[in-house]
């Protein structure tokens, strides 16, 4: 990707949503709820405080994160649907447990 976010912005790829319900019913695209988690693709250098010092971001590329339902701006970069949002819109980083790592 040839896109570098500025300041405290992050580029996110949404996680894939399920195409079937738990009961086995296939959910059409227009009825699916967009997932509120995703993978960080790129991060900006950070924000500046009042004295001009750079405040580094807590997230990095590759982190799996949870964000608000209406957070970010949807964009298309290199034909891929991505989200750009400020770090403040990210609620937290999802840590993978050892059991999840073995299953993957």
N, C-alpha and C. Protein backbone atom coordinates (compact mmCIF):
# COMPACT_ATOMS: atom_id res chain seq x y z
N UNK A 1 0.85 -1.17 0.00
CA UNK A 1 0.00 0.00 0.00
C UNK A 1 0.89 1.23 0.00
N UNK A 2 0.51 2.22 -0.75
CA UNK A 2 1.28 3.45 -0.85
C UNK A 2 0.51 4.60 -0.21
N UNK A 3 0.11 4.41 1.02
CA UNK A 3 -0.63 5.43 1.76
C UNK A 3 -0.05 5.53 3.16
N UNK A 4 0.28 6.73 3.59
CA UNK A 4 0.84 6.95 4.92
C UNK A 4 -0.07 7.93 5.64
N UNK A 5 -0.74 7.49 6.70
CA UNK A 5 -1.62 8.40 7.44
C UNK A 5 -0.81 9.47 8.18
N UNK A 6 -1.43 10.61 8.38
CA UNK A 6 -0.78 11.72 9.08
C UNK A 6 -1.23 11.80 10.53
N UNK A 7 -0.40 12.41 11.35
CA UNK A 7 -0.68 12.70 12.75
C UNK A 7 -1.07 11.43 13.52
N UNK A 8 -2.23 11.44 14.20
CA UNK A 8 -2.62 10.29 15.02
C UNK A 8 -3.70 9.44 14.34
N UNK A 9 -3.64 9.38 13.03
CA UNK A 9 -4.62 8.57 12.29
C UNK A 9 -4.08 7.17 12.02
N UNK A 10 -5.00 6.23 11.92
CA UNK A 10 -4.66 4.84 11.64
C UNK A 10 -5.52 4.30 10.51
N UNK A 11 -4.95 3.40 9.70
CA UNK A 11 -5.68 2.75 8.62
C UNK A 11 -6.01 1.34 9.09
N UNK A 12 -7.28 0.94 8.94
CA UNK A 12 -7.76 -0.33 9.48
C UNK A 12 -8.46 -1.15 8.40
N UNK A 13 -8.18 -2.44 8.40
CA UNK A 13 -8.92 -3.39 7.55
C UNK A 13 -9.90 -4.10 8.47
N UNK A 14 -11.20 -3.96 8.17
CA UNK A 14 -12.23 -4.63 8.98
C UNK A 14 -12.06 -6.14 8.95
N UNK A 15 -12.41 -6.77 10.06
CA UNK A 15 -12.45 -8.23 10.11
C UNK A 15 -13.61 -8.71 9.25
N UNK A 16 -13.50 -9.90 8.71
CA UNK A 16 -14.57 -10.46 7.88
C UNK A 16 -15.77 -10.83 8.76
N UNK A 17 -16.96 -10.49 8.31
CA UNK A 17 -18.16 -10.85 9.07
C UNK A 17 -18.66 -12.22 8.62
N UNK A 18 -19.41 -12.86 9.50
CA UNK A 18 -19.96 -14.18 9.20
C UNK A 18 -21.03 -14.08 8.13
N UNK A 19 -21.05 -15.07 7.23
CA UNK A 19 -22.08 -15.08 6.19
C UNK A 19 -23.27 -15.94 6.60
N UNK A 20 -23.13 -16.70 7.70
CA UNK A 20 -24.22 -17.52 8.21
C UNK A 20 -24.46 -17.20 9.67
N UNK A 21 -25.72 -17.32 10.07
CA UNK A 21 -26.04 -17.14 11.48
C UNK A 21 -25.69 -18.43 12.23
N UNK A 22 -25.76 -18.40 13.55
CA UNK A 22 -25.46 -19.60 14.34
C UNK A 22 -26.41 -20.74 14.00
N UNK A 23 -27.62 -20.41 13.57
CA UNK A 23 -28.61 -21.43 13.22
C UNK A 23 -28.45 -21.95 11.80
N UNK A 24 -27.49 -21.40 11.03
CA UNK A 24 -27.23 -21.88 9.69
C UNK A 24 -27.91 -21.08 8.59
N UNK A 25 -28.59 -20.00 8.94
CA UNK A 25 -29.26 -19.17 7.94
C UNK A 25 -28.24 -18.27 7.28
N UNK A 26 -28.24 -18.22 5.94
CA UNK A 26 -27.32 -17.37 5.20
C UNK A 26 -27.80 -15.92 5.27
N UNK A 27 -26.90 -15.02 5.65
CA UNK A 27 -27.23 -13.61 5.81
C UNK A 27 -26.80 -12.85 4.56
N UNK A 28 -27.72 -12.15 3.88
CA UNK A 28 -27.33 -11.38 2.69
C UNK A 28 -26.46 -10.18 3.08
N UNK A 29 -25.67 -9.67 2.12
CA UNK A 29 -24.73 -8.57 2.38
C UNK A 29 -25.41 -7.33 2.96
N UNK A 30 -26.60 -6.99 2.45
CA UNK A 30 -27.24 -5.76 2.90
C UNK A 30 -27.82 -5.89 4.32
N UNK A 31 -27.95 -7.09 4.86
CA UNK A 31 -28.48 -7.29 6.21
C UNK A 31 -27.38 -7.53 7.23
N UNK A 32 -26.15 -7.70 6.77
CA UNK A 32 -25.04 -7.97 7.68
C UNK A 32 -24.70 -6.72 8.48
N UNK A 33 -24.35 -6.94 9.73
CA UNK A 33 -23.85 -5.84 10.54
C UNK A 33 -22.34 -5.83 10.40
N UNK A 34 -21.77 -4.67 10.15
CA UNK A 34 -20.33 -4.59 9.95
C UNK A 34 -19.61 -4.86 11.27
N UNK A 35 -18.55 -5.65 11.22
CA UNK A 35 -17.82 -5.95 12.45
C UNK A 35 -17.15 -4.71 13.03
N UNK A 36 -17.00 -4.70 14.34
CA UNK A 36 -16.38 -3.57 15.02
C UNK A 36 -14.95 -3.89 15.43
N UNK A 37 -14.36 -4.83 14.75
CA UNK A 37 -12.95 -5.12 15.00
C UNK A 37 -12.22 -5.20 13.68
N UNK A 38 -10.92 -5.02 13.74
CA UNK A 38 -10.14 -5.04 12.52
C UNK A 38 -8.65 -5.06 12.82
N UNK A 39 -7.87 -5.09 11.75
CA UNK A 39 -6.42 -5.13 11.85
C UNK A 39 -5.84 -3.79 11.42
N UNK A 40 -4.89 -3.29 12.21
CA UNK A 40 -4.23 -2.04 11.88
C UNK A 40 -3.27 -2.30 10.72
N UNK A 41 -3.41 -1.53 9.65
CA UNK A 41 -2.57 -1.68 8.46
C UNK A 41 -1.42 -0.67 8.48
N UNK A 42 -1.71 0.57 8.84
CA UNK A 42 -0.68 1.62 8.87
C UNK A 42 -1.03 2.63 9.95
N UNK A 43 -0.01 3.25 10.53
CA UNK A 43 -0.22 4.27 11.56
C UNK A 43 0.57 5.53 11.21
N UNK A 44 0.07 6.66 11.66
CA UNK A 44 0.78 7.91 11.49
C UNK A 44 1.87 8.05 12.54
N UNK A 45 2.68 9.10 12.44
CA UNK A 45 3.79 9.28 13.37
C UNK A 45 3.35 9.63 14.78
N UNK A 46 2.17 10.19 14.96
CA UNK A 46 1.67 10.57 16.28
C UNK A 46 1.22 12.02 16.29
N UNK A 47 0.60 12.39 17.39
CA UNK A 47 0.12 13.77 17.55
C UNK A 47 1.18 14.59 18.26
N UNK A 48 1.03 15.88 18.22
CA UNK A 48 1.95 16.79 18.91
C UNK A 48 1.22 17.44 20.08
N UNK A 49 1.91 17.57 21.21
CA UNK A 49 1.31 18.25 22.35
C UNK A 49 1.50 19.76 22.21
N UNK A 50 1.10 20.52 23.22
CA UNK A 50 1.15 21.98 23.15
C UNK A 50 2.57 22.53 23.00
N UNK A 51 3.56 21.78 23.51
CA UNK A 51 4.94 22.25 23.40
C UNK A 51 5.60 21.80 22.10
N UNK A 52 4.87 21.01 21.29
CA UNK A 52 5.40 20.57 20.00
C UNK A 52 6.07 19.21 20.04
N UNK A 53 6.11 18.57 21.21
CA UNK A 53 6.72 17.24 21.33
C UNK A 53 5.80 16.18 20.72
N UNK A 54 6.39 15.22 20.06
CA UNK A 54 5.63 14.16 19.39
C UNK A 54 5.18 13.12 20.41
N UNK A 55 3.90 12.79 20.40
CA UNK A 55 3.35 11.76 21.27
C UNK A 55 3.09 10.54 20.39
N UNK A 56 3.87 9.49 20.59
CA UNK A 56 3.75 8.28 19.77
C UNK A 56 2.42 7.57 20.03
N UNK A 57 1.96 6.82 19.02
CA UNK A 57 0.70 6.07 19.15
C UNK A 57 0.93 4.77 19.92
N UNK A 58 -0.14 4.28 20.56
CA UNK A 58 -0.07 3.02 21.30
C UNK A 58 -0.27 1.81 20.41
N UNK A 59 -0.88 2.00 19.24
CA UNK A 59 -1.12 0.88 18.33
C UNK A 59 -0.04 0.84 17.26
N UNK A 60 0.15 -0.35 16.68
CA UNK A 60 1.13 -0.50 15.60
C UNK A 60 0.53 -1.40 14.53
N UNK A 61 1.13 -1.40 13.37
CA UNK A 61 0.64 -2.24 12.26
C UNK A 61 0.63 -3.69 12.71
N UNK A 62 -0.45 -4.39 12.40
CA UNK A 62 -0.58 -5.79 12.76
C UNK A 62 -1.44 -6.02 13.99
N UNK A 63 -1.70 -4.98 14.79
CA UNK A 63 -2.54 -5.13 15.99
C UNK A 63 -3.98 -5.40 15.59
N UNK A 64 -4.65 -6.26 16.35
CA UNK A 64 -6.08 -6.51 16.18
C UNK A 64 -6.78 -5.61 17.19
N UNK A 65 -7.70 -4.76 16.72
CA UNK A 65 -8.30 -3.76 17.59
C UNK A 65 -9.82 -3.81 17.58
N UNK A 66 -10.41 -3.15 18.56
CA UNK A 66 -11.85 -3.00 18.68
C UNK A 66 -12.14 -1.50 18.60
N UNK A 67 -13.12 -1.11 17.77
CA UNK A 67 -13.43 0.31 17.61
C UNK A 67 -14.93 0.52 17.66
N UNK A 68 -15.33 1.77 17.78
CA UNK A 68 -16.74 2.13 17.88
C UNK A 68 -17.51 1.84 16.60
N UNK A 69 -18.81 1.64 16.76
CA UNK A 69 -19.66 1.27 15.63
C UNK A 69 -19.65 2.29 14.50
N UNK A 70 -19.65 3.56 14.81
CA UNK A 70 -19.71 4.61 13.79
C UNK A 70 -18.37 5.32 13.63
N UNK A 71 -17.30 4.69 14.05
CA UNK A 71 -15.97 5.32 13.99
C UNK A 71 -15.38 5.26 12.59
N UNK A 72 -14.57 6.24 12.29
CA UNK A 72 -13.77 6.22 11.07
C UNK A 72 -14.50 6.67 9.82
N UNK A 73 -13.70 6.80 8.77
CA UNK A 73 -14.17 7.16 7.45
C UNK A 73 -13.82 6.04 6.49
N UNK A 74 -14.80 5.53 5.77
CA UNK A 74 -14.55 4.44 4.83
C UNK A 74 -13.92 5.00 3.57
N UNK A 75 -12.82 4.37 3.14
CA UNK A 75 -12.12 4.77 1.92
C UNK A 75 -11.77 3.52 1.12
N UNK A 76 -11.46 3.73 -0.14
CA UNK A 76 -11.01 2.63 -1.00
C UNK A 76 -9.59 2.96 -1.44
N UNK A 77 -8.63 2.12 -1.03
CA UNK A 77 -7.22 2.31 -1.38
C UNK A 77 -6.75 1.04 -2.08
N UNK A 78 -6.19 1.19 -3.28
CA UNK A 78 -5.74 0.05 -4.08
C UNK A 78 -6.85 -0.99 -4.26
N UNK A 79 -8.10 -0.53 -4.41
CA UNK A 79 -9.23 -1.43 -4.63
C UNK A 79 -9.72 -2.14 -3.39
N UNK A 80 -9.20 -1.80 -2.22
CA UNK A 80 -9.59 -2.46 -0.97
C UNK A 80 -10.34 -1.47 -0.08
N UNK A 81 -11.47 -1.92 0.51
CA UNK A 81 -12.23 -1.07 1.42
C UNK A 81 -11.55 -1.04 2.78
N UNK A 82 -11.16 0.16 3.21
CA UNK A 82 -10.46 0.34 4.48
C UNK A 82 -11.12 1.44 5.28
N UNK A 83 -10.72 1.59 6.52
CA UNK A 83 -11.19 2.65 7.40
C UNK A 83 -10.01 3.50 7.83
N UNK A 84 -10.22 4.81 7.91
CA UNK A 84 -9.22 5.70 8.49
C UNK A 84 -9.88 6.36 9.68
N UNK A 85 -9.21 6.28 10.84
CA UNK A 85 -9.76 6.88 12.05
C UNK A 85 -8.64 7.40 12.93
N UNK A 86 -9.00 8.24 13.87
CA UNK A 86 -8.03 8.73 14.84
C UNK A 86 -7.84 7.66 15.91
N UNK A 87 -6.67 7.68 16.52
CA UNK A 87 -6.38 6.68 17.56
C UNK A 87 -7.38 6.76 18.70
N UNK A 88 -7.91 7.94 18.99
CA UNK A 88 -8.87 8.12 20.07
C UNK A 88 -10.16 7.32 19.85
N UNK A 89 -10.48 6.99 18.59
CA UNK A 89 -11.68 6.21 18.28
C UNK A 89 -11.50 4.72 18.54
N UNK A 90 -10.27 4.29 18.79
CA UNK A 90 -9.98 2.88 19.05
C UNK A 90 -10.21 2.62 20.53
N UNK A 91 -11.02 1.59 20.84
CA UNK A 91 -11.34 1.28 22.23
C UNK A 91 -10.28 0.42 22.90
N UNK A 92 -9.61 -0.43 22.13
CA UNK A 92 -8.59 -1.27 22.74
C UNK A 92 -7.98 -2.24 21.75
N UNK A 93 -6.92 -2.89 22.20
CA UNK A 93 -6.21 -3.90 21.41
C UNK A 93 -6.65 -5.27 21.90
N UNK A 94 -6.99 -6.16 20.97
CA UNK A 94 -7.42 -7.51 21.32
C UNK A 94 -6.18 -8.40 21.34
N UNK A 95 -5.92 -8.99 22.50
CA UNK A 95 -4.77 -9.91 22.66
C UNK A 95 -5.23 -11.30 22.28
N UNK A 96 -4.43 -11.97 21.47
CA UNK A 96 -4.73 -13.35 21.10
C UNK A 96 -4.25 -14.27 22.23
N UNK A 97 -5.11 -15.18 22.65
CA UNK A 97 -4.73 -16.13 23.69
C UNK A 97 -3.94 -17.27 23.05
N UNK A 98 -3.27 -18.05 23.86
CA UNK A 98 -2.46 -19.17 23.35
C UNK A 98 -3.35 -20.18 22.63
N UNK A 99 -4.57 -20.43 23.13
CA UNK A 99 -5.47 -21.39 22.51
C UNK A 99 -5.88 -20.91 21.11
N UNK A 100 -6.12 -19.61 20.97
CA UNK A 100 -6.51 -19.06 19.67
C UNK A 100 -5.35 -19.11 18.70
N UNK A 101 -4.12 -18.92 19.19
CA UNK A 101 -2.95 -18.97 18.32
C UNK A 101 -2.74 -20.38 17.80
N UNK A 102 -2.96 -21.39 18.65
CA UNK A 102 -2.77 -22.79 18.23
C UNK A 102 -3.83 -23.20 17.22
N UNK A 103 -5.04 -22.68 17.36
CA UNK A 103 -6.14 -23.03 16.46
C UNK A 103 -5.94 -22.38 15.09
N UNK A 104 -5.27 -21.24 15.03
CA UNK A 104 -5.10 -20.50 13.78
C UNK A 104 -4.03 -21.11 12.90
